C-alpha atoms as a PDB file:
ATOM      1  CA  UNK A   1     -22.002  16.600 -58.291  1.00  0.00           C
ATOM      2  CA  UNK A   2     -24.884  16.402 -60.833  1.00  0.00           C
ATOM      3  CA  UNK A   3     -26.261  13.397 -59.005  1.00  0.00           C
ATOM      4  CA  UNK A   4     -26.175  15.381 -55.610  1.00  0.00           C
ATOM      5  CA  UNK A   5     -28.198  18.103 -57.261  1.00  0.00           C
ATOM      6  CA  UNK A   6     -30.665  15.884 -58.754  1.00  0.00           C
ATOM      7  CA  UNK A   7     -31.180  14.337 -55.123  1.00  0.00           C
ATOM      8  CA  UNK A   8     -31.436  17.543 -53.545  1.00  0.00           C
ATOM      9  CA  UNK A   9     -34.221  18.596 -55.993  1.00  0.00           C
ATOM     10  CA  UNK A  10     -36.163  15.500 -55.846  1.00  0.00           C
ATOM     11  CA  UNK A  11     -36.409  15.000 -51.961  1.00  0.00           C
ATOM     12  CA  UNK A  12     -36.196  18.640 -50.947  1.00  0.00           C
ATOM     13  CA  UNK A  13     -37.926  20.543 -53.513  1.00  0.00           C
ATOM     14  CA  UNK A  14     -40.066  17.995 -55.250  1.00  0.00           C
ATOM     15  CA  UNK A  15     -41.727  18.417 -58.838  1.00  0.00           C
ATOM     16  CA  UNK A  16     -45.367  19.105 -57.837  1.00  0.00           C
ATOM     17  CA  UNK A  17     -48.641  17.024 -58.405  1.00  0.00           C
ATOM     18  CA  UNK A  18     -49.229  18.068 -62.104  1.00  0.00           C
ATOM     19  CA  UNK A  19     -47.605  15.232 -63.020  1.00  0.00           C
ATOM     20  CA  UNK A  20     -49.384  13.011 -60.788  1.00  0.00           C
ATOM     21  CA  UNK A  21     -46.076  12.510 -58.615  1.00  0.00           C
ATOM     22  CA  UNK A  22     -44.532  10.767 -61.203  1.00  0.00           C
ATOM     23  CA  UNK A  23     -41.044  12.063 -62.181  1.00  0.00           C
ATOM     24  CA  UNK A  24     -41.162  10.641 -65.701  1.00  0.00           C
ATOM     25  CA  UNK A  25     -44.163  12.665 -66.300  1.00  0.00           C
ATOM     26  CA  UNK A  26     -44.628  16.508 -67.174  1.00  0.00           C
ATOM     27  CA  UNK A  27     -42.492  18.431 -64.755  1.00  0.00           C
ATOM     28  CA  UNK A  28     -39.202  20.599 -64.694  1.00  0.00           C
ATOM     29  CA  UNK A  29     -37.622  17.978 -62.656  1.00  0.00           C
ATOM     30  CA  UNK A  30     -37.012  15.712 -65.589  1.00  0.00           C
ATOM     31  CA  UNK A  31     -34.451  18.554 -66.903  1.00  0.00           C
ATOM     32  CA  UNK A  32     -32.511  18.274 -64.018  1.00  0.00           C
ATOM     33  CA  UNK A  33     -31.952  14.437 -64.330  1.00  0.00           C
ATOM     34  CA  UNK A  34     -31.733  14.429 -68.077  1.00  0.00           C
ATOM     35  CA  UNK A  35     -28.402  16.032 -67.445  1.00  0.00           C
ATOM     36  CA  UNK A  36     -27.384  12.897 -66.202  1.00  0.00           C
ATOM     37  CA  UNK A  37     -27.934  11.241 -69.275  1.00  0.00           C
ATOM     38  CA  UNK A  38     -26.121  13.854 -71.355  1.00  0.00           C
ATOM     39  CA  UNK A  39     -23.223  13.808 -68.997  1.00  0.00           C
ATOM     40  CA  UNK A  40     -23.016   9.943 -69.313  1.00  0.00           C
ATOM     41  CA  UNK A  41     -23.083  10.717 -73.248  1.00  0.00           C
ATOM     42  CA  UNK A  42     -20.318  13.013 -72.748  1.00  0.00           C
ATOM     43  CA  UNK A  43     -18.234  10.331 -71.041  1.00  0.00           C
ATOM     44  CA  UNK A  44     -18.793   7.932 -73.645  1.00  0.00           C
ATOM     45  CA  UNK A  45     -17.982  10.253 -76.615  1.00  0.00           C
ATOM     46  CA  UNK A  46     -14.637  11.469 -74.847  1.00  0.00           C
ATOM     47  CA  UNK A  47     -13.376   8.055 -73.787  1.00  0.00           C
ATOM     48  CA  UNK A  48     -11.433   7.285 -77.168  1.00  0.00           C
ATOM     49  CA  UNK A  49      -9.093   9.904 -76.260  1.00  0.00           C
ATOM     50  CA  UNK A  50      -8.571   8.830 -72.518  1.00  0.00           C
ATOM     51  CA  UNK A  51      -5.401   6.751 -71.321  1.00  0.00           C
ATOM     52  CA  UNK A  52      -6.565   3.363 -70.477  1.00  0.00           C
ATOM     53  CA  UNK A  53      -3.877   2.842 -67.956  1.00  0.00           C
ATOM     54  CA  UNK A  54      -5.434   6.281 -66.063  1.00  0.00           C
ATOM     55  CA  UNK A  55      -8.706   5.403 -66.574  1.00  0.00           C
ATOM     56  CA  UNK A  56      -9.277   1.219 -66.276  1.00  0.00           C
ATOM     57  CA  UNK A  57     -12.961   2.139 -66.136  1.00  0.00           C
ATOM     58  CA  UNK A  58     -12.999   2.493 -70.035  1.00  0.00           C
ATOM     59  CA  UNK A  59     -10.556  -0.277 -70.734  1.00  0.00           C
ATOM     60  CA  UNK A  60     -12.002  -2.716 -73.170  1.00  0.00           C
ATOM     61  CA  UNK A  61     -15.045  -0.643 -74.266  1.00  0.00           C
ATOM     62  CA  UNK A  62     -13.575  -0.673 -77.822  1.00  0.00           C
ATOM     63  CA  UNK A  63     -12.376  -4.356 -78.090  1.00  0.00           C
ATOM     64  CA  UNK A  64     -13.370  -5.844 -81.296  1.00  0.00           C
ATOM     65  CA  UNK A  65     -13.433  -9.246 -79.726  1.00  0.00           C
ATOM     66  CA  UNK A  66     -15.950  -8.169 -77.060  1.00  0.00           C
ATOM     67  CA  UNK A  67     -18.752 -10.853 -76.967  1.00  0.00           C
ATOM     68  CA  UNK A  68     -22.255  -9.282 -77.582  1.00  0.00           C
ATOM     69  CA  UNK A  69     -24.046 -12.202 -75.130  1.00  0.00           C
ATOM     70  CA  UNK A  70     -22.591 -10.585 -71.723  1.00  0.00           C
ATOM     71  CA  UNK A  71     -23.631  -7.041 -72.846  1.00  0.00           C
ATOM     72  CA  UNK A  72     -26.990  -8.129 -74.116  1.00  0.00           C
ATOM     73  CA  UNK A  73     -27.882  -9.836 -70.619  1.00  0.00           C
ATOM     74  CA  UNK A  74     -26.573  -6.751 -68.810  1.00  0.00           C
ATOM     75  CA  UNK A  75     -28.914  -4.641 -70.629  1.00  0.00           C
ATOM     76  CA  UNK A  76     -31.747  -6.895 -70.409  1.00  0.00           C
ATOM     77  CA  UNK A  77     -31.251  -7.121 -66.547  1.00  0.00           C
ATOM     78  CA  UNK A  78     -31.293  -3.207 -66.480  1.00  0.00           C
ATOM     79  CA  UNK A  79     -34.570  -2.982 -68.501  1.00  0.00           C
ATOM     80  CA  UNK A  80     -35.959  -5.736 -66.067  1.00  0.00           C
ATOM     81  CA  UNK A  81     -34.761  -3.791 -62.846  1.00  0.00           C
ATOM     82  CA  UNK A  82     -36.337  -0.526 -64.340  1.00  0.00           C
ATOM     83  CA  UNK A  83     -39.713  -1.961 -65.278  1.00  0.00           C
ATOM     84  CA  UNK A  84     -39.601  -4.220 -62.095  1.00  0.00           C
ATOM     85  CA  UNK A  85     -39.308  -1.110 -59.921  1.00  0.00           C
ATOM     86  CA  UNK A  86     -42.205   0.749 -61.629  1.00  0.00           C
ATOM     87  CA  UNK A  87     -44.503  -2.606 -61.296  1.00  0.00           C
ATOM     88  CA  UNK A  88     -43.599  -3.192 -57.817  1.00  0.00           C
ATOM     89  CA  UNK A  89     -44.553   0.227 -56.701  1.00  0.00           C
ATOM     90  CA  UNK A  90     -48.031  -0.003 -58.782  1.00  0.00           C
ATOM     91  CA  UNK A  91     -48.727  -3.344 -57.239  1.00  0.00           C
ATOM     92  CA  UNK A  92     -47.933  -2.247 -53.613  1.00  0.00           C
ATOM     93  CA  UNK A  93     -47.750   1.570 -53.461  1.00  0.00           C
ATOM     94  CA  UNK A  94     -44.651   0.821 -51.073  1.00  0.00           C
ATOM     95  CA  UNK A  95     -41.769   3.010 -50.876  1.00  0.00           C
ATOM     96  CA  UNK A  96     -42.807   5.147 -53.949  1.00  0.00           C
ATOM     97  CA  UNK A  97     -40.324   8.092 -53.762  1.00  0.00           C
ATOM     98  CA  UNK A  98     -37.211   5.926 -52.952  1.00  0.00           C
ATOM     99  CA  UNK A  99     -38.100   3.504 -55.996  1.00  0.00           C
ATOM    100  CA  UNK A 100     -39.076   6.092 -58.344  1.00  0.00           C
ATOM    101  CA  UNK A 101     -35.315   7.918 -57.726  1.00  0.00           C
ATOM    102  CA  UNK A 102     -33.774   4.550 -57.613  1.00  0.00           C
ATOM    103  CA  UNK A 103     -35.145   3.601 -61.077  1.00  0.00           C
ATOM    104  CA  UNK A 104     -32.648   6.255 -62.433  1.00  0.00           C
ATOM    105  CA  UNK A 105     -29.626   3.743 -61.810  1.00  0.00           C
ATOM    106  CA  UNK A 106     -31.056   0.825 -64.317  1.00  0.00           C
ATOM    107  CA  UNK A 107     -32.254   3.353 -66.492  1.00  0.00           C
ATOM    108  CA  UNK A 108     -28.793   4.748 -66.982  1.00  0.00           C
ATOM    109  CA  UNK A 109     -27.430   1.225 -67.169  1.00  0.00           C
ATOM    110  CA  UNK A 110     -30.212   0.750 -69.868  1.00  0.00           C
ATOM    111  CA  UNK A 111     -28.591   3.764 -72.257  1.00  0.00           C
ATOM    112  CA  UNK A 112     -25.005   2.794 -71.296  1.00  0.00           C
ATOM    113  CA  UNK A 113     -25.412  -1.023 -72.295  1.00  0.00           C
ATOM    114  CA  UNK A 114     -27.585  -0.101 -75.183  1.00  0.00           C
ATOM    115  CA  UNK A 115     -24.709   1.791 -76.459  1.00  0.00           C
ATOM    116  CA  UNK A 116     -22.337  -0.995 -75.712  1.00  0.00           C
ATOM    117  CA  UNK A 117     -24.229  -3.247 -77.630  1.00  0.00           C
ATOM    118  CA  UNK A 118     -24.454  -0.942 -80.814  1.00  0.00           C
ATOM    119  CA  UNK A 119     -20.744  -0.726 -80.773  1.00  0.00           C
ATOM    120  CA  UNK A 120     -20.272  -4.551 -81.137  1.00  0.00           C
ATOM    121  CA  UNK A 121     -19.060  -6.076 -84.398  1.00  0.00           C
ATOM    122  CA  UNK A 122     -22.533  -7.591 -85.077  1.00  0.00           C
ATOM    123  CA  UNK A 123     -24.514  -4.109 -84.521  1.00  0.00           C
ATOM    124  CA  UNK A 124     -21.902  -2.425 -86.725  1.00  0.00           C
ATOM    125  CA  UNK A 125     -22.191  -4.556 -89.300  1.00  0.00           C
ATOM    126  CA  UNK A 126     -25.893  -4.249 -89.138  1.00  0.00           C
ATOM    127  CA  UNK A 127     -25.815  -0.657 -89.618  1.00  0.00           C
ATOM    128  CA  UNK A 128     -23.763  -0.814 -92.583  1.00  0.00           C
ATOM    129  CA  UNK A 129     -26.002  -3.734 -93.899  1.00  0.00           C
ATOM    130  CA  UNK A 130     -27.795  -2.951 -97.271  1.00  0.00           C
ATOM    131  CA  UNK A 131     -31.105  -4.250 -95.545  1.00  0.00           C
ATOM    132  CA  UNK A 132     -31.030  -3.364 -92.002  1.00  0.00           C
ATOM    133  CA  UNK A 133     -28.552  -0.069 -92.212  1.00  0.00           C
ATOM    134  CA  UNK A 134     -31.545   2.056 -94.204  1.00  0.00           C
ATOM    135  CA  UNK A 135     -33.981   1.041 -91.372  1.00  0.00           C
ATOM    136  CA  UNK A 136     -31.709   2.176 -88.315  1.00  0.00           C
ATOM    137  CA  UNK A 137     -30.836   5.285 -90.273  1.00  0.00           C
ATOM    138  CA  UNK A 138     -34.578   6.223 -91.083  1.00  0.00           C
ATOM    139  CA  UNK A 139     -35.725   5.548 -87.551  1.00  0.00           C
ATOM    140  CA  UNK A 140     -32.642   7.692 -86.233  1.00  0.00           C
ATOM    141  CA  UNK A 141     -33.222  10.352 -88.283  1.00  0.00           C
ATOM    142  CA  UNK A 142     -36.457  10.981 -86.927  1.00  0.00           C
ATOM    143  CA  UNK A 143     -35.378  11.183 -83.268  1.00  0.00           C
ATOM    144  CA  UNK A 144     -36.687  14.918 -83.091  1.00  0.00           C
ATOM    145  CA  UNK A 145     -39.839  14.357 -84.804  1.00  0.00           C
ATOM    146  CA  UNK A 146     -40.574  11.301 -82.317  1.00  0.00           C
ATOM    147  CA  UNK A 147     -39.504  13.492 -79.403  1.00  0.00           C
ATOM    148  CA  UNK A 148     -42.137  16.182 -80.545  1.00  0.00           C
ATOM    149  CA  UNK A 149     -45.239  13.470 -81.363  1.00  0.00           C
ATOM    150  CA  UNK A 150     -44.958  10.855 -78.733  1.00  0.00           C
ATOM    151  CA  UNK A 151     -46.495  12.484 -75.951  1.00  0.00           C
ATOM    152  CA  UNK A 152     -49.660  13.154 -77.644  1.00  0.00           C
ATOM    153  CA  UNK A 153     -49.850   9.537 -78.876  1.00  0.00           C
ATOM    154  CA  UNK A 154     -49.079   7.599 -75.692  1.00  0.00           C
ATOM    155  CA  UNK A 155     -52.444   5.752 -74.399  1.00  0.00           C
ATOM    156  CA  UNK A 156     -53.222   3.116 -71.850  1.00  0.00           C
ATOM    157  CA  UNK A 157     -56.011   2.113 -73.782  1.00  0.00           C
ATOM    158  CA  UNK A 158     -54.381  -0.799 -75.628  1.00  0.00           C
ATOM    159  CA  UNK A 159     -52.931  -2.045 -72.386  1.00  0.00           C
ATOM    160  CA  UNK A 160     -55.192  -5.215 -72.806  1.00  0.00           C
ATOM    161  CA  UNK A 161     -53.167  -6.541 -75.743  1.00  0.00           C
ATOM    162  CA  UNK A 162     -49.651  -5.847 -74.156  1.00  0.00           C
ATOM    163  CA  UNK A 163     -46.883  -6.554 -75.630  1.00  0.00           C
ATOM    164  CA  UNK A 164     -48.622  -5.869 -78.981  1.00  0.00           C
ATOM    165  CA  UNK A 165     -49.718  -2.326 -77.856  1.00  0.00           C
ATOM    166  CA  UNK A 166     -46.143  -1.306 -77.599  1.00  0.00           C
ATOM    167  CA  UNK A 167     -45.564  -2.244 -81.436  1.00  0.00           C
ATOM    168  CA  UNK A 168     -48.825  -0.514 -82.194  1.00  0.00           C
ATOM    169  CA  UNK A 169     -48.020   2.846 -80.272  1.00  0.00           C
ATOM    170  CA  UNK A 170     -44.499   2.817 -81.710  1.00  0.00           C
ATOM    171  CA  UNK A 171     -45.609   2.192 -85.023  1.00  0.00           C
ATOM    172  CA  UNK A 172     -48.248   5.002 -84.880  1.00  0.00           C
ATOM    173  CA  UNK A 173     -45.471   7.295 -83.265  1.00  0.00           C
ATOM    174  CA  UNK A 174     -43.126   6.521 -86.339  1.00  0.00           C
ATOM    175  CA  UNK A 175     -45.730   7.026 -89.190  1.00  0.00           C
ATOM    176  CA  UNK A 176     -46.811  10.443 -87.581  1.00  0.00           C
ATOM    177  CA  UNK A 177     -43.106  11.661 -87.000  1.00  0.00           C
ATOM    178  CA  UNK A 178     -42.452  11.011 -90.462  1.00  0.00           C
ATOM    179  CA  UNK A 179     -45.268  12.846 -91.619  1.00  0.00           C
ATOM    180  CA  UNK A 180     -44.386  15.973 -89.426  1.00  0.00           C
ATOM    181  CA  UNK A 181     -40.781  15.992 -91.232  1.00  0.00           C
ATOM    182  CA  UNK A 182     -42.346  15.858 -94.605  1.00  0.00           C
ATOM    183  CA  UNK A 183     -44.372  18.734 -93.247  1.00  0.00           C
ATOM    184  CA  UNK A 184     -41.691  20.465 -92.178  1.00  0.00           C
ATOM    185  CA  UNK A 185     -39.817  20.070 -95.167  1.00  0.00           C
ATOM    186  CA  UNK A 186     -42.361  21.637 -97.326  1.00  0.00           C
ATOM    187  CA  UNK A 187     -42.597  24.591 -94.707  1.00  0.00           C
ATOM    188  CA  UNK A 188     -38.797  24.801 -95.056  1.00  0.00           C
ATOM    189  CA  UNK A 189     -39.160  24.978 -99.160  1.00  0.00           C
ATOM    190  CA  UNK A 190     -41.957  27.309 -99.089  1.00  0.00           C
ATOM    191  CA  UNK A 191     -39.579  30.181 -98.527  1.00  0.00           C
ATOM    192  CA  UNK A 192     -36.895  28.966-101.061  1.00  0.00           C
ATOM    193  CA  UNK A 193     -36.484  30.056-104.394  1.00  0.00           C
ATOM    194  CA  UNK A 194     -37.257  27.519-107.112  1.00  0.00           C
ATOM    195  CA  UNK A 195     -39.921  24.626-107.485  1.00  0.00           C
ATOM    196  CA  UNK A 196     -40.703  22.127-104.499  1.00  0.00           C
ATOM    197  CA  UNK A 197     -38.512  19.076-104.482  1.00  0.00           C
ATOM    198  CA  UNK A 198     -40.774  16.247-103.504  1.00  0.00           C
ATOM    199  CA  UNK A 199     -38.046  13.691-103.549  1.00  0.00           C
ATOM    200  CA  UNK A 200     -36.353  15.748-100.916  1.00  0.00           C
ATOM    201  CA  UNK A 201     -39.491  15.908 -99.032  1.00  0.00           C
ATOM    202  CA  UNK A 202     -40.288  12.061 -98.994  1.00  0.00           C
ATOM    203  CA  UNK A 203     -36.565  11.270 -98.543  1.00  0.00           C
ATOM    204  CA  UNK A 204     -36.498   8.629 -95.689  1.00  0.00           C
ATOM    205  CA  UNK A 205     -32.903   9.174 -94.715  1.00  0.00           C
ATOM    206  CA  UNK A 206     -30.191  11.165 -95.436  1.00  0.00           C
END
């Protein structure tokens, strides 16, 4: 049902030219297909309680002996397909409408297989490791702030140093998001009794 509504909105209503006819740009349509990802997340969150015999689709998702390589390869394929569709359109301009909406499939696959990858034994150990764990918790704790600042920091002026530009932009977004969180904590403590807790303000993760 959600997929049907998304397709009808895309092909019938469209999303205007404000975003440059880019459904991943600034438009209200993105809130429609965002729901597909939230729905996928809900399915993954509920699957532990599902009967594997009734729902064979979920069988083996939490198998501790599952191999990381096949999952990583599937994730890589989804990423390549997504950017490949975008690149093909940019190079040829052919079939943009169909290619653009079709790109949601590998994007959903990227989300799904990244989640699968995160649940493997190796990544679980990395999360609890004393070196890599804090890095993961620091970045994941900045999700809201990253979302708020990223659109103001995206730029194509560094495309000539690709793929290094991805690291530069991500680092800039990460630092800006951290500063925003520090400022929000200062603002929050301003309206509380007592002195400022600077350790809490600058705390990297909970």
